Amino acid sequence: MKKKPLSKITVSEIIADCGVNRKTFYYHFSDIYDLLKWMLEEEAVEVVKQYDLLLDFREVVLFVMDYVRKNKHLLCCAYDSMGREEMKRFFYTDFIDIVYTVINNTEKQLGLQIDPTFKQFVANFYTGAIASLMIDEFTDREGHDTQKAVEYLSLI
């Protein structure tokens, strides 16, 4: 993606650069976007799942924001190809399970029984907010303050 937009990259170019055949690529991925999703999951989402999300929430948010900053070029290329809403959906699918884990663990820790409809609402709300925050981080949205965002999310 340093050489051309994501939408212009072909599977043929990827398999030539990686030294694998087309069948191997399609055995593992349905398309280039599936490869991108896998890469982000392996580098960030799987790492986040290793944290104790109740104890280390602030560190998790800082890790994710640092990952986004370090991979800004890649994420901007994907964003330019996919658009904001698709990128938001892309992040949403990765982080909804993590947010549910936080909600379920908090519910258990506090000895509560939360209405499933409310739990779904809260999970959707926070996952959407986190996805937007991540997009704002790499698109350098005006008025975006990473440190304040981390501080505010850590209060939750």
C-alpha atoms as a PDB file:
ATOM      1  CA  MET A   1       0.000   0.000   0.000  1.00  0.00           C
ATOM      2  CA  LYS A   2       3.039   2.275   0.014  1.00  0.00           C
ATOM      3  CA  LYS A   3       3.114   1.930  -3.769  1.00  0.00           C
ATOM      4  CA  LYS A   4      -0.583   2.020  -4.691  1.00  0.00           C
ATOM      5  CA  PRO A   5      -4.096   2.203  -3.226  1.00  0.00           C
ATOM      6  CA  LEU A   6      -5.609  -0.945  -1.718  1.00  0.00           C
ATOM      7  CA  SER A   7      -8.294  -1.013  -4.394  1.00  0.00           C
ATOM      8  CA  LYS A   8      -5.596  -1.287  -7.082  1.00  0.00           C
ATOM      9  CA  ILE A   9      -3.688  -4.168  -5.480  1.00  0.00           C
ATOM     10  CA  THR A  10      -4.362  -7.563  -7.016  1.00  0.00           C
ATOM     11  CA  VAL A  11      -4.195 -11.050  -5.578  1.00  0.00           C
ATOM     12  CA  SER A  12      -1.664 -11.847  -8.329  1.00  0.00           C
ATOM     13  CA  GLU A  13       0.679  -9.174  -6.967  1.00  0.00           C
ATOM     14  CA  ILE A  14       0.313 -10.433  -3.407  1.00  0.00           C
ATOM     15  CA  ILE A  15       0.975 -14.069  -4.259  1.00  0.00           C
ATOM     16  CA  ALA A  16       3.992 -13.095  -6.390  1.00  0.00           C
ATOM     17  CA  ASP A  17       5.454 -10.998  -3.542  1.00  0.00           C
ATOM     18  CA  CYS A  18       4.791 -13.728  -0.965  1.00  0.00           C
ATOM     19  CA  GLY A  19       5.848 -16.678  -3.093  1.00  0.00           C
ATOM     20  CA  VAL A  20       2.615 -18.625  -2.664  1.00  0.00           C
ATOM     21  CA  ASN A  21       0.191 -19.885  -5.251  1.00  0.00           C
ATOM     22  CA  ARG A  22      -3.336 -18.635  -5.867  1.00  0.00           C
ATOM     23  CA  LYS A  23      -4.967 -21.738  -4.319  1.00  0.00           C
ATOM     24  CA  THR A  24      -3.035 -21.185  -1.091  1.00  0.00           C
ATOM     25  CA  PHE A  25      -4.176 -17.571  -0.927  1.00  0.00           C
ATOM     26  CA  TYR A  26      -7.844 -18.493  -1.496  1.00  0.00           C
ATOM     27  CA  TYR A  27      -7.617 -21.398   0.919  1.00  0.00           C
ATOM     28  CA  HIS A  28      -6.927 -18.882   3.698  1.00  0.00           C
ATOM     29  CA  PHE A  29      -8.658 -15.698   2.479  1.00  0.00           C
ATOM     30  CA  SER A  30     -11.732 -14.925   0.413  1.00  0.00           C
ATOM     31  CA  ASP A  31     -10.241 -11.661  -0.923  1.00  0.00           C
ATOM     32  CA  ILE A  32      -7.713  -8.924  -0.191  1.00  0.00           C
ATOM     33  CA  TYR A  33      -9.995  -7.320   2.408  1.00  0.00           C
ATOM     34  CA  ASP A  34     -10.172 -10.646   4.247  1.00  0.00           C
ATOM     35  CA  LEU A  35      -6.344 -10.700   4.277  1.00  0.00           C
ATOM     36  CA  LEU A  36      -6.287  -7.143   5.653  1.00  0.00           C
ATOM     37  CA  LYS A  37      -8.798  -8.076   8.358  1.00  0.00           C
ATOM     38  CA  TRP A  38      -6.736 -11.131   9.327  1.00  0.00           C
ATOM     39  CA  MET A  39      -3.578  -9.048   9.522  1.00  0.00           C
ATOM     40  CA  LEU A  40      -5.194  -6.454  11.807  1.00  0.00           C
ATOM     41  CA  GLU A  41      -6.685  -9.184  13.976  1.00  0.00           C
ATOM     42  CA  GLU A  42      -3.353 -10.953  14.373  1.00  0.00           C
ATOM     43  CA  GLU A  43      -1.402  -7.796  15.112  1.00  0.00           C
ATOM     44  CA  ALA A  44      -3.868  -6.002  17.366  1.00  0.00           C
ATOM     45  CA  VAL A  45      -7.122  -7.756  18.250  1.00  0.00           C
ATOM     46  CA  GLU A  46      -5.524 -10.999  19.429  1.00  0.00           C
ATOM     47  CA  VAL A  47      -3.083  -8.998  21.577  1.00  0.00           C
ATOM     48  CA  VAL A  48      -5.960  -7.062  23.153  1.00  0.00           C
ATOM     49  CA  LYS A  49      -7.701 -10.323  24.042  1.00  0.00           C
ATOM     50  CA  GLN A  50      -4.662 -11.314  26.137  1.00  0.00           C
ATOM     51  CA  TYR A  51      -5.203  -8.421  28.565  1.00  0.00           C
ATOM     52  CA  ASP A  52      -7.415  -8.543  31.631  1.00  0.00           C
ATOM     53  CA  LEU A  53      -9.821  -5.984  30.261  1.00  0.00           C
ATOM     54  CA  LEU A  54     -11.190  -4.971  33.652  1.00  0.00           C
ATOM     55  CA  LEU A  55      -7.783  -4.344  35.213  1.00  0.00           C
ATOM     56  CA  ASP A  56      -5.833  -3.171  32.178  1.00  0.00           C
ATOM     57  CA  PHE A  57      -8.442  -1.214  30.237  1.00  0.00           C
ATOM     58  CA  ARG A  58      -6.339   1.958  30.031  1.00  0.00           C
ATOM     59  CA  GLU A  59      -3.319  -0.019  28.774  1.00  0.00           C
ATOM     60  CA  VAL A  60      -5.533  -1.716  26.177  1.00  0.00           C
ATOM     61  CA  VAL A  61      -6.805   1.619  24.873  1.00  0.00           C
ATOM     62  CA  LEU A  62      -3.241   3.001  24.761  1.00  0.00           C
ATOM     63  CA  PHE A  63      -2.015  -0.117  22.925  1.00  0.00           C
ATOM     64  CA  VAL A  64      -4.787   0.166  20.317  1.00  0.00           C
ATOM     65  CA  MET A  65      -4.178   3.885  19.763  1.00  0.00           C
ATOM     66  CA  ASP A  66      -0.431   3.291  19.466  1.00  0.00           C
ATOM     67  CA  TYR A  67      -1.080   0.502  16.951  1.00  0.00           C
ATOM     68  CA  VAL A  68      -3.329   2.817  14.944  1.00  0.00           C
ATOM     69  CA  ARG A  69      -0.682   5.564  14.930  1.00  0.00           C
ATOM     70  CA  LYS A  70       2.094   3.149  13.893  1.00  0.00           C
ATOM     71  CA  ASN A  71      -0.039   1.753  11.071  1.00  0.00           C
ATOM     72  CA  LYS A  72      -1.528   5.055   9.968  1.00  0.00           C
ATOM     73  CA  HIS A  73      -0.466   4.712   6.322  1.00  0.00           C
ATOM     74  CA  LEU A  74      -1.955   1.237   5.984  1.00  0.00           C
ATOM     75  CA  LEU A  75      -5.186   2.226   7.707  1.00  0.00           C
ATOM     76  CA  CYS A  76      -5.518   5.421   5.649  1.00  0.00           C
ATOM     77  CA  CYS A  77      -5.107   3.409   2.445  1.00  0.00           C
ATOM     78  CA  ALA A  78      -7.803   0.994   3.583  1.00  0.00           C
ATOM     79  CA  TYR A  79      -9.995   3.943   4.618  1.00  0.00           C
ATOM     80  CA  ASP A  80      -9.567   5.628   1.216  1.00  0.00           C
ATOM     81  CA  SER A  81     -10.592   2.409  -0.493  1.00  0.00           C
ATOM     82  CA  MET A  82     -13.437   1.444   1.857  1.00  0.00           C
ATOM     83  CA  GLY A  83     -14.843   4.720   3.158  1.00  0.00           C
ATOM     84  CA  ARG A  84     -15.690   5.707   6.728  1.00  0.00           C
ATOM     85  CA  GLU A  85     -18.797   3.569   7.235  1.00  0.00           C
ATOM     86  CA  GLU A  86     -17.234   0.386   5.866  1.00  0.00           C
ATOM     87  CA  MET A  87     -14.086   0.993   7.909  1.00  0.00           C
ATOM     88  CA  LYS A  88     -16.241   1.508  10.988  1.00  0.00           C
ATOM     89  CA  ARG A  89     -18.011  -1.811  10.299  1.00  0.00           C
ATOM     90  CA  PHE A  90     -14.604  -3.399   9.774  1.00  0.00           C
ATOM     91  CA  PHE A  91     -13.435  -2.322  13.248  1.00  0.00           C
ATOM     92  CA  TYR A  92     -16.833  -3.029  14.772  1.00  0.00           C
ATOM     93  CA  THR A  93     -16.686  -6.733  13.940  1.00  0.00           C
ATOM     94  CA  ASP A  94     -13.275  -6.978  15.603  1.00  0.00           C
ATOM     95  CA  PHE A  95     -14.169  -5.167  18.799  1.00  0.00           C
ATOM     96  CA  ILE A  96     -17.776  -6.155  19.570  1.00  0.00           C
ATOM     97  CA  ASP A  97     -16.689  -9.391  21.282  1.00  0.00           C
ATOM     98  CA  ILE A  98     -14.102  -7.530  23.346  1.00  0.00           C
ATOM     99  CA  VAL A  99     -16.698  -4.998  24.509  1.00  0.00           C
ATOM    100  CA  TYR A 100     -19.128  -7.825  25.372  1.00  0.00           C
ATOM    101  CA  THR A 101     -16.359  -9.430  27.431  1.00  0.00           C
ATOM    102  CA  VAL A 102     -15.913  -6.216  29.417  1.00  0.00           C
ATOM    103  CA  ILE A 103     -19.678  -5.908  29.967  1.00  0.00           C
ATOM    104  CA  ASN A 104     -20.086  -9.560  30.982  1.00  0.00           C
ATOM    105  CA  ASN A 105     -17.095  -9.467  33.336  1.00  0.00           C
ATOM    106  CA  THR A 106     -18.295  -6.237  34.933  1.00  0.00           C
ATOM    107  CA  GLU A 107     -21.772  -7.700  35.335  1.00  0.00           C
ATOM    108  CA  LYS A 108     -20.317 -10.789  37.017  1.00  0.00           C
ATOM    109  CA  GLN A 109     -17.913  -8.797  39.201  1.00  0.00           C
ATOM    110  CA  LEU A 110     -20.708  -6.549  40.460  1.00  0.00           C
ATOM    111  CA  GLY A 111     -23.156  -9.425  40.929  1.00  0.00           C
ATOM    112  CA  LEU A 112     -25.697  -7.903  38.547  1.00  0.00           C
ATOM    113  CA  GLN A 113     -28.025  -9.388  36.005  1.00  0.00           C
ATOM    114  CA  ILE A 114     -28.353  -6.952  33.112  1.00  0.00           C
ATOM    115  CA  ASP A 115     -31.219  -7.108  30.655  1.00  0.00           C
ATOM    116  CA  PRO A 116     -29.822  -8.646  27.423  1.00  0.00           C
ATOM    117  CA  THR A 117     -31.411  -5.892  25.313  1.00  0.00           C
ATOM    118  CA  PHE A 118     -29.684  -3.211  27.381  1.00  0.00           C
ATOM    119  CA  LYS A 119     -26.407  -5.158  27.254  1.00  0.00           C
ATOM    120  CA  GLN A 120     -26.671  -5.284  23.454  1.00  0.00           C
ATOM    121  CA  PHE A 121     -27.379  -1.540  23.321  1.00  0.00           C
ATOM    122  CA  VAL A 122     -24.358  -0.722  25.503  1.00  0.00           C
ATOM    123  CA  ALA A 123     -22.097  -3.067  23.517  1.00  0.00           C
ATOM    124  CA  ASN A 124     -23.182  -1.533  20.200  1.00  0.00           C
ATOM    125  CA  PHE A 125     -22.837   1.993  21.558  1.00  0.00           C
ATOM    126  CA  TYR A 126     -19.304   1.556  22.918  1.00  0.00           C
ATOM    127  CA  THR A 127     -18.085  -0.525  20.006  1.00  0.00           C
ATOM    128  CA  GLY A 128     -19.284   2.138  17.570  1.00  0.00           C
ATOM    129  CA  ALA A 129     -17.618   4.827  19.664  1.00  0.00           C
ATOM    130  CA  ILE A 130     -14.322   2.932  19.791  1.00  0.00           C
ATOM    131  CA  ALA A 131     -14.414   2.327  16.024  1.00  0.00           C
ATOM    132  CA  SER A 132     -15.012   6.045  15.395  1.00  0.00           C
ATOM    133  CA  LEU A 133     -12.257   6.981  17.832  1.00  0.00           C
ATOM    134  CA  MET A 134      -9.798   4.736  16.015  1.00  0.00           C
ATOM    135  CA  ILE A 135     -10.741   6.241  12.647  1.00  0.00           C
ATOM    136  CA  ASP A 136     -10.381   9.754  14.056  1.00  0.00           C
ATOM    137  CA  GLU A 137      -6.913   8.800  15.317  1.00  0.00           C
ATOM    138  CA  PHE A 138      -5.474   7.843  11.930  1.00  0.00           C
ATOM    139  CA  THR A 139      -7.364  10.405   9.852  1.00  0.00           C
ATOM    140  CA  ASP A 140      -6.162  13.225  12.121  1.00  0.00           C
ATOM    141  CA  ARG A 141      -9.664  14.558  12.533  1.00  0.00           C
ATOM    142  CA  GLU A 142      -9.611  18.160  13.687  1.00  0.00           C
ATOM    143  CA  GLY A 143     -10.241  18.543  17.398  1.00  0.00           C
ATOM    144  CA  HIS A 144      -9.369  14.914  18.141  1.00  0.00           C
ATOM    145  CA  ASP A 145      -7.358  14.614  21.361  1.00  0.00           C
ATOM    146  CA  THR A 146      -6.034  11.095  21.914  1.00  0.00           C
ATOM    147  CA  GLN A 147      -4.975  11.646  25.497  1.00  0.00           C
ATOM    148  CA  LYS A 148      -8.387  13.030  26.492  1.00  0.00           C
ATOM    149  CA  ALA A 149     -10.129  10.167  24.682  1.00  0.00           C
ATOM    150  CA  VAL A 150      -8.023   7.600  26.564  1.00  0.00           C
ATOM    151  CA  GLU A 151      -8.696   9.404  29.838  1.00  0.00           C
ATOM    152  CA  TYR A 152     -12.450   9.509  29.207  1.00  0.00           C
ATOM    153  CA  LEU A 153     -12.645   5.868  28.106  1.00  0.00           C
ATOM    154  CA  SER A 154     -10.709   4.821  31.173  1.00  0.00           C
ATOM    155  CA  LEU A 155     -13.379   6.372  33.404  1.00  0.00           C
ATOM    156  CA  ILE A 156     -16.020   3.998  32.106  1.00  0.00           C
END
